[in-house]
């Protein structure tokens, strides 16, 4: 199976799932009936858009086993949120850099 450009939640509102700080569950996301499971790594707001870093738990042909993917939260015409793969390399790199900064801050707090 290949990574699709767009995913919808199979369970509930995808934004609610992403912003639930208590959730440790695997996210089951669907594209045209194909379900892919992801682990949430981080949520990063940038320029009025919410981005999320997700690591596929389902094997995908075009994603390495240790690789994560940046998605932007979008809203469709029915006001339902969905995730779209961020293809702008500069934005994706910014999101990862912000995630690394968050990790550094957490490590400093624990010292």
PDB file of N, CA and C in Angstrom:
ATOM      1  N   UNK A   1       0.844  -1.166   0.000  1.00  0.00           N
ATOM      2  CA  UNK A   1       0.000   0.000   0.000  1.00  0.00           C
ATOM      3  C   UNK A   1       0.900   1.242   0.000  1.00  0.00           C
ATOM      4  N   UNK A   2       0.479   2.285  -0.689  1.00  0.00           N
ATOM      5  CA  UNK A   2       1.227   3.532  -0.760  1.00  0.00           C
ATOM      6  C   UNK A   2       0.583   4.593   0.123  1.00  0.00           C
ATOM      7  N   UNK A   3       1.377   5.576   0.504  1.00  0.00           N
ATOM      8  CA  UNK A   3       0.874   6.710   1.267  1.00  0.00           C
ATOM      9  C   UNK A   3      -0.042   7.535   0.375  1.00  0.00           C
ATOM     10  N   UNK A   4      -1.257   7.795   0.837  1.00  0.00           N
ATOM     11  CA  UNK A   4      -2.199   8.620   0.086  1.00  0.00           C
ATOM     12  C   UNK A   4      -2.008  10.082   0.470  1.00  0.00           C
ATOM     13  N   UNK A   5      -2.518  10.985  -0.355  1.00  0.00           N
ATOM     14  CA  UNK A   5      -2.402  12.422  -0.077  1.00  0.00           C
ATOM     15  C   UNK A   5      -3.353  12.900   1.010  1.00  0.00           C
ATOM     16  N   UNK A   6      -4.514  12.245   1.136  1.00  0.00           N
ATOM     17  CA  UNK A   6      -5.565  12.723   2.029  1.00  0.00           C
ATOM     18  C   UNK A   6      -6.096  11.570   2.871  1.00  0.00           C
ATOM     19  N   UNK A   7      -6.350  11.867   4.162  1.00  0.00           N
ATOM     20  CA  UNK A   7      -6.914  10.867   5.065  1.00  0.00           C
ATOM     21  C   UNK A   7      -8.029  11.469   5.906  1.00  0.00           C
ATOM     22  N   UNK A   8      -9.060  10.686   6.116  1.00  0.00           N
ATOM     23  CA  UNK A   8     -10.158  11.023   7.013  1.00  0.00           C
ATOM     24  C   UNK A   8     -10.132  10.049   8.179  1.00  0.00           C
ATOM     25  N   UNK A   9     -10.652  10.465   9.310  1.00  0.00           N
ATOM     26  CA  UNK A   9     -10.721   9.581  10.470  1.00  0.00           C
ATOM     27  C   UNK A   9     -11.817   8.556  10.256  1.00  0.00           C
ATOM     28  N   UNK A  10     -11.557   7.323  10.694  1.00  0.00           N
ATOM     29  CA  UNK A  10     -12.577   6.283  10.604  1.00  0.00           C
ATOM     30  C   UNK A  10     -13.395   6.204  11.891  1.00  0.00           C
ATOM     31  N   UNK A  11     -12.967   6.929  12.933  1.00  0.00           N
ATOM     32  CA  UNK A  11     -13.607   6.795  14.242  1.00  0.00           C
ATOM     33  C   UNK A  11     -14.397   8.030  14.661  1.00  0.00           C
ATOM     34  N   UNK A  12     -13.735   9.183  14.678  1.00  0.00           N
ATOM     35  CA  UNK A  12     -14.385  10.418  15.115  1.00  0.00           C
ATOM     36  C   UNK A  12     -13.680  11.573  14.437  1.00  0.00           C
ATOM     37  N   UNK A  13     -14.039  12.773  14.796  1.00  0.00           N
ATOM     38  CA  UNK A  13     -13.452  13.971  14.245  1.00  0.00           C
ATOM     39  C   UNK A  13     -11.927  13.904  14.387  1.00  0.00           C
ATOM     40  N   UNK A  14     -11.211  14.000  13.274  1.00  0.00           N
ATOM     41  CA  UNK A  14      -9.755  13.851  13.298  1.00  0.00           C
ATOM     42  C   UNK A  14      -9.093  14.930  14.152  1.00  0.00           C
ATOM     43  N   UNK A  15      -9.653  16.117  14.186  1.00  0.00           N
ATOM     44  CA  UNK A  15      -9.086  17.192  15.005  1.00  0.00           C
ATOM     45  C   UNK A  15      -9.226  16.877  16.486  1.00  0.00           C
ATOM     46  N   UNK A  16     -10.365  16.320  16.870  1.00  0.00           N
ATOM     47  CA  UNK A  16     -10.559  15.911  18.267  1.00  0.00           C
ATOM     48  C   UNK A  16      -9.536  14.847  18.666  1.00  0.00           C
ATOM     49  N   UNK A  17      -9.278  13.905  17.782  1.00  0.00           N
ATOM     50  CA  UNK A  17      -8.300  12.853  18.059  1.00  0.00           C
ATOM     51  C   UNK A  17      -6.900  13.432  18.245  1.00  0.00           C
ATOM     52  N   UNK A  18      -6.530  14.355  17.366  1.00  0.00           N
ATOM     53  CA  UNK A  18      -5.194  14.932  17.417  1.00  0.00           C
ATOM     54  C   UNK A  18      -4.963  15.792  18.652  1.00  0.00           C
ATOM     55  N   UNK A  19      -5.995  16.496  19.088  1.00  0.00           N
ATOM     56  CA  UNK A  19      -5.838  17.437  20.197  1.00  0.00           C
ATOM     57  C   UNK A  19      -6.128  16.821  21.561  1.00  0.00           C
ATOM     58  N   UNK A  20      -6.501  15.550  21.593  1.00  0.00           N
ATOM     59  CA  UNK A  20      -6.766  14.860  22.857  1.00  0.00           C
ATOM     60  C   UNK A  20      -5.444  14.486  23.520  1.00  0.00           C
ATOM     61  N   UNK A  21      -5.054  15.252  24.540  1.00  0.00           N
ATOM     62  CA  UNK A  21      -3.768  15.034  25.207  1.00  0.00           C
ATOM     63  C   UNK A  21      -3.692  13.692  25.926  1.00  0.00           C
ATOM     64  N   UNK A  22      -4.826  13.110  26.241  1.00  0.00           N
ATOM     65  CA  UNK A  22      -4.859  11.833  26.963  1.00  0.00           C
ATOM     66  C   UNK A  22      -4.747  10.629  26.035  1.00  0.00           C
ATOM     67  N   UNK A  23      -4.967  10.852  24.753  1.00  0.00           N
ATOM     68  CA  UNK A  23      -5.011   9.743  23.811  1.00  0.00           C
ATOM     69  C   UNK A  23      -3.624   9.182  23.533  1.00  0.00           C
ATOM     70  N   UNK A  24      -3.490   7.888  23.674  1.00  0.00           N
ATOM     71  CA  UNK A  24      -2.270   7.163  23.327  1.00  0.00           C
ATOM     72  C   UNK A  24      -2.575   6.132  22.242  1.00  0.00           C
ATOM     73  N   UNK A  25      -3.779   6.216  21.702  1.00  0.00           N
ATOM     74  CA  UNK A  25      -4.240   5.218  20.750  1.00  0.00           C
ATOM     75  C   UNK A  25      -3.641   5.414  19.370  1.00  0.00           C
ATOM     76  N   UNK A  26      -3.655   4.346  18.622  1.00  0.00           N
ATOM     77  CA  UNK A  26      -3.300   4.392  17.215  1.00  0.00           C
ATOM     78  C   UNK A  26      -4.450   5.071  16.483  1.00  0.00           C
ATOM     79  N   UNK A  27      -4.115   5.962  15.552  1.00  0.00           N
ATOM     80  CA  UNK A  27      -5.133   6.627  14.748  1.00  0.00           C
ATOM     81  C   UNK A  27      -5.392   5.789  13.497  1.00  0.00           C
ATOM     82  N   UNK A  28      -6.628   5.394  13.296  1.00  0.00           N
ATOM     83  CA  UNK A  28      -7.004   4.676  12.085  1.00  0.00           C
ATOM     84  C   UNK A  28      -7.559   5.692  11.106  1.00  0.00           C
ATOM     85  N   UNK A  29      -6.849   5.905  10.019  1.00  0.00           N
ATOM     86  CA  UNK A  29      -7.248   6.885   9.021  1.00  0.00           C
ATOM     87  C   UNK A  29      -7.496   6.186   7.696  1.00  0.00           C
ATOM     88  N   UNK A  30      -8.421   6.735   6.934  1.00  0.00           N
ATOM     89  CA  UNK A  30      -8.862   6.068   5.721  1.00  0.00           C
ATOM     90  C   UNK A  30      -8.743   6.967   4.497  1.00  0.00           C
ATOM     91  N   UNK A  31      -8.426   6.338   3.371  1.00  0.00           N
ATOM     92  CA  UNK A  31      -8.452   6.992   2.079  1.00  0.00           C
ATOM     93  C   UNK A  31      -9.076   6.014   1.106  1.00  0.00           C
ATOM     94  N   UNK A  32     -10.270   6.361   0.635  1.00  0.00           N
ATOM     95  CA  UNK A  32     -10.990   5.490  -0.307  1.00  0.00           C
ATOM     96  C   UNK A  32     -11.095   4.057   0.177  1.00  0.00           C
ATOM     97  N   UNK A  33     -11.389   3.887   1.455  1.00  0.00           N
ATOM     98  CA  UNK A  33     -11.618   2.565   2.005  1.00  0.00           C
ATOM     99  C   UNK A  33     -10.373   1.844   2.472  1.00  0.00           C
ATOM    100  N   UNK A  34      -9.203   2.340   2.154  1.00  0.00           N
ATOM    101  CA  UNK A  34      -7.973   1.729   2.631  1.00  0.00           C
ATOM    102  C   UNK A  34      -7.596   2.374   3.963  1.00  0.00           C
ATOM    103  N   UNK A  35      -7.544   1.562   5.000  1.00  0.00           N
ATOM    104  CA  UNK A  35      -7.256   2.066   6.340  1.00  0.00           C
ATOM    105  C   UNK A  35      -5.771   1.925   6.635  1.00  0.00           C
ATOM    106  N   UNK A  36      -5.187   3.010   7.134  1.00  0.00           N
ATOM    107  CA  UNK A  36      -3.784   3.034   7.539  1.00  0.00           C
ATOM    108  C   UNK A  36      -3.742   3.468   8.992  1.00  0.00           C
ATOM    109  N   UNK A  37      -2.949   2.776   9.785  1.00  0.00           N
ATOM    110  CA  UNK A  37      -2.821   3.134  11.197  1.00  0.00           C
ATOM    111  C   UNK A  37      -1.561   3.973  11.395  1.00  0.00           C
ATOM    112  N   UNK A  38      -1.701   5.036  12.181  1.00  0.00           N
ATOM    113  CA  UNK A  38      -0.608   5.954  12.475  1.00  0.00           C
ATOM    114  C   UNK A  38      -0.505   6.158  13.976  1.00  0.00           C
ATOM    115  N   UNK A  39       0.716   6.405  14.449  1.00  0.00           N
ATOM    116  CA  UNK A  39       0.950   6.869  15.810  1.00  0.00           C
ATOM    117  C   UNK A  39       1.211   8.366  15.718  1.00  0.00           C
ATOM    118  N   UNK A  40       0.576   9.118  16.598  1.00  0.00           N
ATOM    119  CA  UNK A  40       0.786  10.559  16.612  1.00  0.00           C
ATOM    120  C   UNK A  40       2.105  10.874  17.304  1.00  0.00           C
ATOM    121  N   UNK A  41       2.923  11.690  16.658  1.00  0.00           N
ATOM    122  CA  UNK A  41       4.202  12.098  17.216  1.00  0.00           C
ATOM    123  C   UNK A  41       4.087  13.482  17.837  1.00  0.00           C
ATOM    124  N   UNK A  42       3.500  14.437  17.099  1.00  0.00           N
ATOM    125  CA  UNK A  42       3.393  15.811  17.606  1.00  0.00           C
ATOM    126  C   UNK A  42       2.346  16.586  16.826  1.00  0.00           C
ATOM    127  N   UNK A  43       1.888  17.670  17.445  1.00  0.00           N
ATOM    128  CA  UNK A  43       1.017  18.648  16.799  1.00  0.00           C
ATOM    129  C   UNK A  43       1.747  19.981  16.871  1.00  0.00           C
ATOM    130  N   UNK A  44       1.867  20.655  15.718  1.00  0.00           N
ATOM    131  CA  UNK A  44       2.612  21.908  15.638  1.00  0.00           C
ATOM    132  C   UNK A  44       1.784  22.939  14.879  1.00  0.00           C
ATOM    133  N   UNK A  45       1.357  24.017  15.545  1.00  0.00           N
ATOM    134  CA  UNK A  45       0.668  25.088  14.815  1.00  0.00           C
ATOM    135  C   UNK A  45       1.690  25.977  14.092  1.00  0.00           C
ATOM    136  N   UNK A  46       1.332  26.412  12.884  1.00  0.00           N
ATOM    137  CA  UNK A  46       2.215  27.291  12.115  1.00  0.00           C
ATOM    138  C   UNK A  46       1.373  28.077  11.118  1.00  0.00           C
ATOM    139  N   UNK A  47       1.456  29.403  11.198  1.00  0.00           N
ATOM    140  CA  UNK A  47       0.738  30.294  10.277  1.00  0.00           C
ATOM    141  C   UNK A  47      -0.742  29.929  10.160  1.00  0.00           C
ATOM    142  N   UNK A  48      -1.437  29.876  11.265  1.00  0.00           N
ATOM    143  CA  UNK A  48      -2.885  29.614  11.303  1.00  0.00           C
ATOM    144  C   UNK A  48      -3.286  28.240  10.767  1.00  0.00           C
ATOM    145  N   UNK A  49      -2.345  27.322  10.663  1.00  0.00           N
ATOM    146  CA  UNK A  49      -2.639  25.956  10.236  1.00  0.00           C
ATOM    147  C   UNK A  49      -2.118  25.018  11.320  1.00  0.00           C
ATOM    148  N   UNK A  50      -2.875  23.966  11.579  1.00  0.00           N
ATOM    149  CA  UNK A  50      -2.406  22.940  12.507  1.00  0.00           C
ATOM    150  C   UNK A  50      -1.775  21.825  11.684  1.00  0.00           C
ATOM    151  N   UNK A  51      -0.537  21.509  12.039  1.00  0.00           N
ATOM    152  CA  UNK A  51       0.187  20.409  11.393  1.00  0.00           C
ATOM    153  C   UNK A  51       0.369  19.298  12.411  1.00  0.00           C
ATOM    154  N   UNK A  52       0.449  18.092  11.925  1.00  0.00           N
ATOM    155  CA  UNK A  52       0.722  16.966  12.798  1.00  0.00           C
ATOM    156  C   UNK A  52       1.778  16.082  12.157  1.00  0.00           C
ATOM    157  N   UNK A  53       2.610  15.504  13.003  1.00  0.00           N
ATOM    158  CA  UNK A  53       3.590  14.534  12.548  1.00  0.00           C
ATOM    159  C   UNK A  53       3.065  13.166  12.962  1.00  0.00           C
ATOM    160  N   UNK A  54       2.897  12.290  11.977  1.00  0.00           N
ATOM    161  CA  UNK A  54       2.385  10.948  12.226  1.00  0.00           C
ATOM    162  C   UNK A  54       3.373   9.919  11.688  1.00  0.00           C
ATOM    163  N   UNK A  55       3.532   8.839  12.442  1.00  0.00           N
ATOM    164  CA  UNK A  55       4.382   7.732  12.016  1.00  0.00           C
ATOM    165  C   UNK A  55       3.481   6.568  11.615  1.00  0.00           C
ATOM    166  N   UNK A  56       3.580   6.120  10.371  1.00  0.00           N
ATOM    167  CA  UNK A  56       2.740   4.998   9.947  1.00  0.00           C
ATOM    168  C   UNK A  56       3.056   3.727  10.731  1.00  0.00           C
ATOM    169  N   UNK A  57       2.030   3.064  11.207  1.00  0.00           N
ATOM    170  CA  UNK A  57       2.161   1.754  11.845  1.00  0.00           C
ATOM    171  C   UNK A  57       1.857   0.661  10.827  1.00  0.00           C
ATOM    172  N   UNK A  58       1.152   1.025   9.775  1.00  0.00           N
ATOM    173  CA  UNK A  58       0.880   0.137   8.653  1.00  0.00           C
ATOM    174  C   UNK A  58       2.050   0.279   7.683  1.00  0.00           C
ATOM    175  N   UNK A  59       2.524  -0.819   7.131  1.00  0.00           N
ATOM    176  CA  UNK A  59       3.625  -0.768   6.176  1.00  0.00           C
ATOM    177  C   UNK A  59       3.153  -0.071   4.904  1.00  0.00           C
ATOM    178  N   UNK A  60       3.907   0.954   4.515  1.00  0.00           N
ATOM    179  CA  UNK A  60       3.628   1.696   3.287  1.00  0.00           C
ATOM    180  C   UNK A  60       4.844   1.620   2.386  1.00  0.00           C
ATOM    181  N   UNK A  61       4.626   1.361   1.103  1.00  0.00           N
ATOM    182  CA  UNK A  61       5.716   1.162   0.153  1.00  0.00           C
ATOM    183  C   UNK A  61       6.649   2.361   0.059  1.00  0.00           C
ATOM    184  N   UNK A  62       6.112   3.570   0.161  1.00  0.00           N
ATOM    185  CA  UNK A  62       6.900   4.767  -0.087  1.00  0.00           C
ATOM    186  C   UNK A  62       7.303   5.522   1.184  1.00  0.00           C
ATOM    187  N   UNK A  63       7.208   4.849   2.342  1.00  0.00           N
ATOM    188  CA  UNK A  63       7.627   5.444   3.613  1.00  0.00           C
ATOM    189  C   UNK A  63       8.514   4.431   4.331  1.00  0.00           C
ATOM    190  N   UNK A  64       9.728   4.868   4.696  1.00  0.00           N
ATOM    191  CA  UNK A  64      10.635   3.974   5.418  1.00  0.00           C
ATOM    192  C   UNK A  64      10.090   3.672   6.805  1.00  0.00           C
ATOM    193  N   UNK A  65      10.508   2.538   7.373  1.00  0.00           N
ATOM    194  CA  UNK A  65      10.004   2.069   8.665  1.00  0.00           C
ATOM    195  C   UNK A  65      10.200   3.082   9.793  1.00  0.00           C
ATOM    196  N   UNK A  66      11.299   3.824   9.769  1.00  0.00           N
ATOM    197  CA  UNK A  66      11.592   4.779  10.838  1.00  0.00           C
ATOM    198  C   UNK A  66      11.215   6.218  10.476  1.00  0.00           C
ATOM    199  N   UNK A  67      10.446   6.395   9.422  1.00  0.00           N
ATOM    200  CA  UNK A  67      10.103   7.709   8.905  1.00  0.00           C
ATOM    201  C   UNK A  67       8.721   8.158   9.390  1.00  0.00           C
ATOM    202  N   UNK A  68       8.573   9.463   9.611  1.00  0.00           N
ATOM    203  CA  UNK A  68       7.282  10.053   9.955  1.00  0.00           C
ATOM    204  C   UNK A  68       6.901  11.035   8.853  1.00  0.00           C
ATOM    205  N   UNK A  69       5.618  11.399   8.825  1.00  0.00           N
ATOM    206  CA  UNK A  69       5.086  12.237   7.755  1.00  0.00           C
ATOM    207  C   UNK A  69       4.380  13.443   8.370  1.00  0.00           C
ATOM    208  N   UNK A  70       4.548  14.610   7.736  1.00  0.00           N
ATOM    209  CA  UNK A  70       3.865  15.826   8.177  1.00  0.00           C
ATOM    210  C   UNK A  70       2.556  15.963   7.400  1.00  0.00           C
ATOM    211  N   UNK A  71       1.480  16.191   8.148  1.00  0.00           N
ATOM    212  CA  UNK A  71       0.156  16.421   7.567  1.00  0.00           C
ATOM    213  C   UNK A  71      -0.355  17.782   8.010  1.00  0.00           C
ATOM    214  N   UNK A  72      -1.121  18.444   7.151  1.00  0.00           N
ATOM    215  CA  UNK A  72      -1.833  19.669   7.509  1.00  0.00           C
ATOM    216  C   UNK A  72      -3.285  19.300   7.755  1.00  0.00           C
ATOM    217  N   UNK A  73      -3.873  19.901   8.786  1.00  0.00           N
ATOM    218  CA  UNK A  73      -5.298  19.696   9.035  1.00  0.00           C
ATOM    219  C   UNK A  73      -6.061  20.659   8.130  1.00  0.00           C
ATOM    220  N   UNK A  74      -6.949  20.130   7.331  1.00  0.00           N
ATOM    221  CA  UNK A  74      -7.769  20.904   6.399  1.00  0.00           C
ATOM    222  C   UNK A  74      -9.237  20.675   6.742  1.00  0.00           C
ATOM    223  N   UNK A  75     -10.119  21.515   6.205  1.00  0.00           N
ATOM    224  CA  UNK A  75     -11.566  21.395   6.418  1.00  0.00           C
ATOM    225  C   UNK A  75     -12.235  21.255   5.054  1.00  0.00           C
ATOM    226  N   UNK A  76     -13.084  20.220   4.903  1.00  0.00           N
ATOM    227  CA  UNK A  76     -13.756  20.025   3.617  1.00  0.00           C
ATOM    228  C   UNK A  76     -15.023  20.869   3.520  1.00  0.00           C
ATOM    229  N   UNK A  77     -15.738  20.724   2.410  1.00  0.00           N
ATOM    230  CA  UNK A  77     -16.935  21.533   2.165  1.00  0.00           C
ATOM    231  C   UNK A  77     -18.069  21.238   3.150  1.00  0.00           C
ATOM    232  N   UNK A  78     -18.027  20.071   3.809  1.00  0.00           N
ATOM    233  CA  UNK A  78     -19.028  19.722   4.825  1.00  0.00           C
ATOM    234  C   UNK A  78     -18.562  20.096   6.232  1.00  0.00           C
ATOM    235  N   UNK A  79     -17.487  20.906   6.302  1.00  0.00           N
ATOM    236  CA  UNK A  79     -16.909  21.347   7.575  1.00  0.00           C
ATOM    237  C   UNK A  79     -16.319  20.207   8.393  1.00  0.00           C
ATOM    238  N   UNK A  80     -15.912  19.140   7.723  1.00  0.00           N
ATOM    239  CA  UNK A  80     -15.278  18.006   8.382  1.00  0.00           C
ATOM    240  C   UNK A  80     -13.759  18.124   8.219  1.00  0.00           C
ATOM    241  N   UNK A  81     -13.018  17.989   9.315  1.00  0.00           N
ATOM    242  CA  UNK A  81     -11.558  18.048   9.190  1.00  0.00           C
ATOM    243  C   UNK A  81     -10.993  16.760   8.586  1.00  0.00           C
ATOM    244  N   UNK A  82      -9.912  16.930   7.857  1.00  0.00           N
ATOM    245  CA  UNK A  82      -9.188  15.790   7.291  1.00  0.00           C
ATOM    246  C   UNK A  82      -7.708  16.142   7.265  1.00  0.00           C
ATOM    247  N   UNK A  83      -6.871  15.166   6.985  1.00  0.00           N
ATOM    248  CA  UNK A  83      -5.431  15.381   6.943  1.00  0.00           C
ATOM    249  C   UNK A  83      -4.927  15.278   5.515  1.00  0.00           C
ATOM    250  N   UNK A  84      -4.073  16.224   5.153  1.00  0.00           N
ATOM    251  CA  UNK A  84      -3.475  16.240   3.817  1.00  0.00           C
ATOM    252  C   UNK A  84      -1.954  16.244   3.976  1.00  0.00           C
ATOM    253  N   UNK A  85      -1.285  15.366   3.260  1.00  0.00           N
ATOM    254  CA  UNK A  85       0.172  15.302   3.316  1.00  0.00           C
ATOM    255  C   UNK A  85       0.732  16.658   2.905  1.00  0.00           C
ATOM    256  N   UNK A  86       1.647  17.188   3.734  1.00  0.00           N
ATOM    257  CA  UNK A  86       2.280  18.472   3.420  1.00  0.00           C
ATOM    258  C   UNK A  86       3.407  18.227   2.420  1.00  0.00           C
ATOM    259  N   UNK A  87       3.245  18.752   1.226  1.00  0.00           N
ATOM    260  CA  UNK A  87       4.232  18.527   0.168  1.00  0.00           C
ATOM    261  C   UNK A  87       5.226  19.676   0.043  1.00  0.00           C
ATOM    262  N   UNK A  88       4.954  20.790   0.714  1.00  0.00           N
ATOM    263  CA  UNK A  88       5.885  21.905   0.705  1.00  0.00           C
ATOM    264  C   UNK A  88       7.036  21.556   1.649  1.00  0.00           C
ATOM    265  N   UNK A  89       8.206  21.313   1.070  1.00  0.00           N
ATOM    266  CA  UNK A  89       9.359  20.843   1.837  1.00  0.00           C
ATOM    267  C   UNK A  89       9.775  21.837   2.924  1.00  0.00           C
ATOM    268  N   UNK A  90       9.686  23.129   2.641  1.00  0.00           N
ATOM    269  CA  UNK A  90      10.067  24.141   3.639  1.00  0.00           C
ATOM    270  C   UNK A  90       9.160  24.083   4.861  1.00  0.00           C
ATOM    271  N   UNK A  91       7.873  23.940   4.627  1.00  0.00           N
ATOM    272  CA  UNK A  91       6.929  23.853   5.750  1.00  0.00           C
ATOM    273  C   UNK A  91       7.157  22.568   6.527  1.00  0.00           C
ATOM    274  N   UNK A  92       7.321  21.459   5.831  1.00  0.00           N
ATOM    275  CA  UNK A  92       7.550  20.180   6.506  1.00  0.00           C
ATOM    276  C   UNK A  92       8.819  20.243   7.362  1.00  0.00           C
ATOM    277  N   UNK A  93       9.888  20.826   6.833  1.00  0.00           N
ATOM    278  CA  UNK A  93      11.124  20.955   7.598  1.00  0.00           C
ATOM    279  C   UNK A  93      10.924  21.859   8.823  1.00  0.00           C
ATOM    280  N   UNK A  94      10.160  22.941   8.653  1.00  0.00           N
ATOM    281  CA  UNK A  94       9.876  23.835   9.782  1.00  0.00           C
ATOM    282  C   UNK A  94       9.145  23.065  10.887  1.00  0.00           C
ATOM    283  N   UNK A  95       8.147  22.279  10.504  1.00  0.00           N
ATOM    284  CA  UNK A  95       7.360  21.512  11.480  1.00  0.00           C
ATOM    285  C   UNK A  95       8.277  20.543  12.235  1.00  0.00           C
ATOM    286  N   UNK A  96       9.156  19.856  11.535  1.00  0.00           N
ATOM    287  CA  UNK A  96      10.086  18.944  12.204  1.00  0.00           C
ATOM    288  C   UNK A  96      11.035  19.712  13.130  1.00  0.00           C
ATOM    289  N   UNK A  97      11.518  20.874  12.686  1.00  0.00           N
ATOM    290  CA  UNK A  97      12.412  21.668  13.534  1.00  0.00           C
ATOM    291  C   UNK A  97      11.705  22.122  14.811  1.00  0.00           C
ATOM    292  N   UNK A  98      10.453  22.513  14.706  1.00  0.00           N
ATOM    293  CA  UNK A  98       9.683  22.898  15.893  1.00  0.00           C
ATOM    294  C   UNK A  98       9.500  21.706  16.834  1.00  0.00           C
ATOM    295  N   UNK A  99       9.287  20.540  16.263  1.00  0.00           N
ATOM    296  CA  UNK A  99       9.174  19.320  17.065  1.00  0.00           C
ATOM    297  C   UNK A  99      10.479  19.050  17.808  1.00  0.00           C
ATOM    298  N   UNK A 100      11.605  19.175  17.123  1.00  0.00           N
ATOM    299  CA  UNK A 100      12.907  18.959  17.769  1.00  0.00           C
ATOM    300  C   UNK A 100      13.129  19.975  18.891  1.00  0.00           C
ATOM    301  N   UNK A 101      12.700  21.226  18.687  1.00  0.00           N
ATOM    302  CA  UNK A 101      12.806  22.243  19.739  1.00  0.00           C
ATOM    303  C   UNK A 101      11.978  21.833  20.964  1.00  0.00           C
ATOM    304  N   UNK A 102      10.766  21.307  20.712  1.00  0.00           N
ATOM    305  CA  UNK A 102       9.919  20.856  21.825  1.00  0.00           C
ATOM    306  C   UNK A 102      10.610  19.734  22.596  1.00  0.00           C
ATOM    307  N   UNK A 103      11.241  18.803  21.884  1.00  0.00           N
ATOM    308  CA  UNK A 103      11.959  17.715  22.549  1.00  0.00           C
ATOM    309  C   UNK A 103      13.109  18.256  23.396  1.00  0.00           C
ATOM    310  N   UNK A 104      13.854  19.222  22.856  1.00  0.00           N
ATOM    311  CA  UNK A 104      14.957  19.827  23.607  1.00  0.00           C
ATOM    312  C   UNK A 104      14.451  20.509  24.873  1.00  0.00           C
ATOM    313  N   UNK A 105      13.335  21.234  24.765  1.00  0.00           N
ATOM    314  CA  UNK A 105      12.766  21.919  25.924  1.00  0.00           C
ATOM    315  C   UNK A 105      12.323  20.924  26.993  1.00  0.00           C
ATOM    316  N   UNK A 106      11.718  19.820  26.560  1.00  0.00           N
ATOM    317  CA  UNK A 106      11.319  18.785  27.509  1.00  0.00           C
ATOM    318  C   UNK A 106      12.527  18.174  28.227  1.00  0.00           C
ATOM    319  N   UNK A 107      13.591  17.937  27.470  1.00  0.00           N
ATOM    320  CA  UNK A 107      14.801  17.360  28.052  1.00  0.00           C
ATOM    321  C   UNK A 107      15.403  18.321  29.081  1.00  0.00           C
ATOM    322  N   UNK A 108      15.396  19.623  28.776  1.00  0.00           N
ATOM    323  CA  UNK A 108      15.928  20.619  29.711  1.00  0.00           C
ATOM    324  C   UNK A 108      15.101  20.673  30.995  1.00  0.00           C
ATOM    325  N   UNK A 109      13.777  20.571  30.840  1.00  0.00           N
ATOM    326  CA  UNK A 109      12.888  20.603  32.011  1.00  0.00           C
ATOM    327  C   UNK A 109      13.124  19.407  32.926  1.00  0.00           C
ATOM    328  N   UNK A 110      13.468  18.263  32.344  1.00  0.00           N
ATOM    329  CA  UNK A 110      13.671  17.039  33.120  1.00  0.00           C
ATOM    330  C   UNK A 110      15.009  17.021  33.850  1.00  0.00           C
ATOM    331  N   UNK A 111      15.938  17.893  33.442  1.00  0.00           N
ATOM    332  CA  UNK A 111      17.262  17.914  34.104  1.00  0.00           C
ATOM    333  C   UNK A 111      17.234  18.578  35.438  1.00  0.00           C
TER     334      UNK A 111
END
